Amino acid sequence: MTLELLLALLFIGCAWAVAIYLVRRFGAGYGARAVVCPERGQRATISTVWVMRQPGRRPECRVLQCSLFPPGVPVDCTMSCRSQL
């Protein structure tokens, strides 16, 4: 392998790594976070689904499940815990 080919492959690998990072960081998807519930004052784990995020804008998400509620119960609180995400 020549040095130019090695550098080209290294550059392509770095470009792919940056692209994958940006898609995972700003793309839509599911996530689980540990937050402190401001309404109850307890630590909770919430499952969220992220809507398409854009750099420089506040991410939009919906809370699907909260560990403070029984499974299957819809989360109907004001979801002020989203400010900690």
N, C-alpha and C. Protein backbone atom coordinates (compact mmCIF):
# COMPACT_ATOMS: atom_id res chain seq x y z
N MET A 1 0.84 -1.19 0.00
CA MET A 1 0.00 0.00 0.00
C MET A 1 0.87 1.24 0.00
N THR A 2 0.47 2.16 -0.77
CA THR A 2 1.21 3.42 -0.78
C THR A 2 0.68 4.33 0.31
N LEU A 3 1.43 5.31 0.61
CA LEU A 3 1.05 6.26 1.66
C LEU A 3 -0.23 7.02 1.28
N GLU A 4 -0.39 7.37 0.02
CA GLU A 4 -1.57 8.11 -0.42
C GLU A 4 -2.85 7.28 -0.25
N LEU A 5 -2.76 5.99 -0.58
CA LEU A 5 -3.91 5.12 -0.43
C LEU A 5 -4.26 4.94 1.04
N LEU A 6 -3.27 4.79 1.87
CA LEU A 6 -3.50 4.66 3.31
C LEU A 6 -4.15 5.92 3.88
N LEU A 7 -3.68 7.08 3.48
CA LEU A 7 -4.28 8.33 3.94
C LEU A 7 -5.70 8.49 3.44
N ALA A 8 -5.96 8.09 2.20
CA ALA A 8 -7.31 8.17 1.66
C ALA A 8 -8.27 7.26 2.43
N LEU A 9 -7.84 6.04 2.74
CA LEU A 9 -8.68 5.13 3.52
C LEU A 9 -8.90 5.65 4.93
N LEU A 10 -7.89 6.24 5.51
CA LEU A 10 -8.03 6.83 6.85
C LEU A 10 -9.02 7.99 6.83
N PHE A 11 -8.94 8.83 5.80
CA PHE A 11 -9.87 9.95 5.67
C PHE A 11 -11.30 9.46 5.48
N ILE A 12 -11.50 8.45 4.66
CA ILE A 12 -12.85 7.92 4.43
C ILE A 12 -13.39 7.30 5.72
N GLY A 13 -12.56 6.61 6.46
CA GLY A 13 -12.99 6.04 7.74
C GLY A 13 -13.40 7.12 8.73
N CYS A 14 -12.64 8.19 8.80
CA CYS A 14 -12.99 9.31 9.70
C CYS A 14 -14.28 9.99 9.26
N ALA A 15 -14.46 10.15 7.95
CA ALA A 15 -15.68 10.77 7.45
C ALA A 15 -16.90 9.92 7.79
N TRP A 16 -16.79 8.60 7.65
CA TRP A 16 -17.89 7.72 8.02
C TRP A 16 -18.16 7.79 9.53
N ALA A 17 -17.14 7.85 10.34
CA ALA A 17 -17.32 7.93 11.79
C ALA A 17 -18.04 9.21 12.18
N VAL A 18 -17.68 10.32 11.57
CA VAL A 18 -18.35 11.60 11.85
C VAL A 18 -19.80 11.54 11.39
N ALA A 19 -20.06 10.97 10.22
CA ALA A 19 -21.42 10.87 9.71
C ALA A 19 -22.29 10.01 10.62
N ILE A 20 -21.77 8.89 11.07
CA ILE A 20 -22.54 8.02 11.97
C ILE A 20 -22.81 8.71 13.29
N TYR A 21 -21.82 9.42 13.82
CA TYR A 21 -22.02 10.16 15.07
C TYR A 21 -23.12 11.21 14.92
N LEU A 22 -23.11 11.97 13.84
CA LEU A 22 -24.10 13.02 13.65
C LEU A 22 -25.51 12.45 13.47
N VAL A 23 -25.63 11.35 12.77
CA VAL A 23 -26.95 10.74 12.60
C VAL A 23 -27.47 10.22 13.94
N ARG A 24 -26.60 9.58 14.73
CA ARG A 24 -27.05 9.09 16.02
C ARG A 24 -27.34 10.23 17.00
N ARG A 25 -26.61 11.32 16.90
CA ARG A 25 -26.80 12.44 17.82
C ARG A 25 -28.02 13.28 17.48
N PHE A 26 -28.24 13.56 16.20
CA PHE A 26 -29.31 14.46 15.81
C PHE A 26 -30.46 13.76 15.09
N GLY A 27 -30.41 12.48 14.91
CA GLY A 27 -31.46 11.75 14.23
C GLY A 27 -32.58 11.35 15.17
N ALA A 28 -33.65 10.86 14.61
CA ALA A 28 -34.78 10.40 15.41
C ALA A 28 -34.46 9.03 16.00
N GLY A 29 -35.15 8.68 17.07
CA GLY A 29 -34.93 7.36 17.67
C GLY A 29 -35.43 7.30 19.10
N TYR A 30 -35.24 6.14 19.69
CA TYR A 30 -35.67 5.90 21.06
C TYR A 30 -34.50 6.08 22.02
N GLY A 31 -34.82 6.42 23.26
CA GLY A 31 -33.77 6.57 24.25
C GLY A 31 -34.32 6.41 25.65
N ALA A 32 -33.46 6.03 26.56
CA ALA A 32 -33.83 5.91 27.98
C ALA A 32 -32.89 6.81 28.76
N ARG A 33 -33.44 7.61 29.64
CA ARG A 33 -32.65 8.53 30.44
C ARG A 33 -33.06 8.42 31.90
N ALA A 34 -32.14 8.71 32.78
CA ALA A 34 -32.42 8.80 34.21
C ALA A 34 -32.51 10.27 34.57
N VAL A 35 -33.64 10.68 35.11
CA VAL A 35 -33.87 12.08 35.48
C VAL A 35 -34.47 12.12 36.88
N VAL A 36 -34.50 13.31 37.44
CA VAL A 36 -35.19 13.54 38.71
C VAL A 36 -36.52 14.18 38.38
N CYS A 37 -37.60 13.54 38.79
CA CYS A 37 -38.94 14.05 38.50
C CYS A 37 -39.19 15.29 39.34
N PRO A 38 -39.41 16.46 38.72
CA PRO A 38 -39.62 17.67 39.50
C PRO A 38 -40.96 17.69 40.23
N GLU A 39 -41.92 16.89 39.77
CA GLU A 39 -43.24 16.89 40.41
C GLU A 39 -43.27 16.04 41.68
N ARG A 40 -42.53 14.92 41.66
CA ARG A 40 -42.52 14.02 42.82
C ARG A 40 -41.24 14.09 43.62
N GLY A 41 -40.18 14.66 43.05
CA GLY A 41 -38.90 14.76 43.74
C GLY A 41 -38.16 13.44 43.85
N GLN A 42 -38.49 12.48 42.98
CA GLN A 42 -37.84 11.18 43.00
C GLN A 42 -37.07 10.95 41.71
N ARG A 43 -36.11 10.04 41.79
CA ARG A 43 -35.35 9.67 40.60
C ARG A 43 -36.20 8.71 39.78
N ALA A 44 -36.20 8.92 38.47
CA ALA A 44 -37.02 8.09 37.59
C ALA A 44 -36.26 7.81 36.30
N THR A 45 -36.60 6.70 35.68
CA THR A 45 -36.08 6.36 34.36
C THR A 45 -37.21 6.52 33.38
N ILE A 46 -36.99 7.31 32.34
CA ILE A 46 -38.05 7.53 31.36
C ILE A 46 -37.59 7.01 30.00
N SER A 47 -38.54 6.50 29.24
CA SER A 47 -38.30 6.07 27.87
C SER A 47 -38.89 7.12 26.95
N THR A 48 -38.10 7.58 26.01
CA THR A 48 -38.54 8.65 25.13
C THR A 48 -38.39 8.22 23.68
N VAL A 49 -39.15 8.87 22.84
CA VAL A 49 -38.96 8.75 21.39
C VAL A 49 -38.65 10.16 20.90
N TRP A 50 -37.52 10.28 20.20
CA TRP A 50 -37.06 11.58 19.73
C TRP A 50 -37.59 11.85 18.34
N VAL A 51 -38.11 13.04 18.16
CA VAL A 51 -38.49 13.52 16.85
C VAL A 51 -37.21 14.06 16.22
N MET A 52 -37.19 14.28 14.94
CA MET A 52 -35.98 14.72 14.25
C MET A 52 -35.39 15.95 14.93
N ARG A 53 -34.14 15.82 15.35
CA ARG A 53 -33.45 16.93 16.02
C ARG A 53 -32.61 17.69 15.01
N GLN A 54 -32.44 18.97 15.26
CA GLN A 54 -31.62 19.79 14.39
C GLN A 54 -30.60 20.54 15.24
N PRO A 55 -29.40 20.73 14.72
CA PRO A 55 -28.38 21.43 15.50
C PRO A 55 -28.83 22.85 15.84
N GLY A 56 -28.61 23.25 17.07
CA GLY A 56 -28.95 24.60 17.49
C GLY A 56 -30.39 24.77 17.92
N ARG A 57 -31.21 23.71 17.85
CA ARG A 57 -32.60 23.80 18.28
C ARG A 57 -32.82 22.84 19.44
N ARG A 58 -33.78 23.14 20.26
CA ARG A 58 -34.12 22.26 21.38
C ARG A 58 -34.71 20.96 20.84
N PRO A 59 -34.22 19.81 21.30
CA PRO A 59 -34.75 18.54 20.79
C PRO A 59 -36.19 18.33 21.24
N GLU A 60 -36.99 17.76 20.37
CA GLU A 60 -38.37 17.48 20.69
C GLU A 60 -38.51 15.99 20.97
N CYS A 61 -39.22 15.66 22.03
CA CYS A 61 -39.39 14.25 22.36
C CYS A 61 -40.75 14.04 23.01
N ARG A 62 -41.18 12.80 22.97
CA ARG A 62 -42.39 12.38 23.67
C ARG A 62 -41.98 11.34 24.70
N VAL A 63 -42.52 11.44 25.90
CA VAL A 63 -42.23 10.48 26.95
C VAL A 63 -43.21 9.32 26.80
N LEU A 64 -42.66 8.12 26.58
CA LEU A 64 -43.50 6.94 26.38
C LEU A 64 -43.82 6.24 27.69
N GLN A 65 -42.83 6.14 28.57
CA GLN A 65 -43.01 5.40 29.80
C GLN A 65 -42.14 6.01 30.89
N CYS A 66 -42.65 5.97 32.11
CA CYS A 66 -41.91 6.48 33.26
C CYS A 66 -41.90 5.39 34.32
N SER A 67 -40.75 5.23 35.00
CA SER A 67 -40.64 4.17 36.01
C SER A 67 -41.48 4.47 37.25
N LEU A 68 -41.95 5.69 37.42
CA LEU A 68 -42.79 6.03 38.57
C LEU A 68 -44.24 5.59 38.37
N PHE A 69 -44.61 5.27 37.14
CA PHE A 69 -45.95 4.80 36.82
C PHE A 69 -45.90 3.30 36.53
N PRO A 70 -46.99 2.57 36.78
CA PRO A 70 -47.01 1.15 36.42
C PRO A 70 -46.90 0.97 34.91
N PRO A 71 -46.38 -0.18 34.45
CA PRO A 71 -46.27 -0.41 33.00
C PRO A 71 -47.64 -0.38 32.32
N GLY A 72 -47.69 0.22 31.17
CA GLY A 72 -48.93 0.29 30.40
C GLY A 72 -49.78 1.52 30.70
N VAL A 73 -49.50 2.21 31.79
CA VAL A 73 -50.26 3.42 32.13
C VAL A 73 -49.71 4.57 31.30
N PRO A 74 -50.56 5.29 30.58
CA PRO A 74 -50.03 6.41 29.79
C PRO A 74 -49.49 7.52 30.69
N VAL A 75 -48.43 8.13 30.23
CA VAL A 75 -47.81 9.21 30.99
C VAL A 75 -48.61 10.48 30.71
N ASP A 76 -49.32 10.96 31.72
CA ASP A 76 -50.19 12.11 31.53
C ASP A 76 -49.77 13.32 32.38
N CYS A 77 -48.55 13.26 32.91
CA CYS A 77 -48.09 14.41 33.69
C CYS A 77 -47.69 15.54 32.73
N THR A 78 -47.27 16.65 33.29
CA THR A 78 -46.91 17.78 32.44
C THR A 78 -45.55 17.57 31.76
N MET A 79 -44.86 16.51 32.13
CA MET A 79 -43.59 16.13 31.56
C MET A 79 -42.56 17.26 31.63
N SER A 80 -42.51 17.94 32.78
CA SER A 80 -41.50 18.98 32.95
C SER A 80 -40.12 18.36 33.13
N CYS A 81 -40.05 17.04 33.25
CA CYS A 81 -38.74 16.37 33.33
C CYS A 81 -38.00 16.43 32.00
N ARG A 82 -38.71 16.78 30.92
CA ARG A 82 -38.05 16.88 29.62
C ARG A 82 -36.99 17.97 29.60
N SER A 83 -37.08 18.94 30.51
CA SER A 83 -36.07 20.00 30.52
C SER A 83 -34.70 19.49 30.93
N GLN A 84 -34.63 18.31 31.56
CA GLN A 84 -33.36 17.73 31.99
C GLN A 84 -32.72 16.88 30.91
N LEU A 85 -33.40 16.68 29.82
CA LEU A 85 -32.83 15.86 28.75
C LEU A 85 -31.87 16.68 28.01
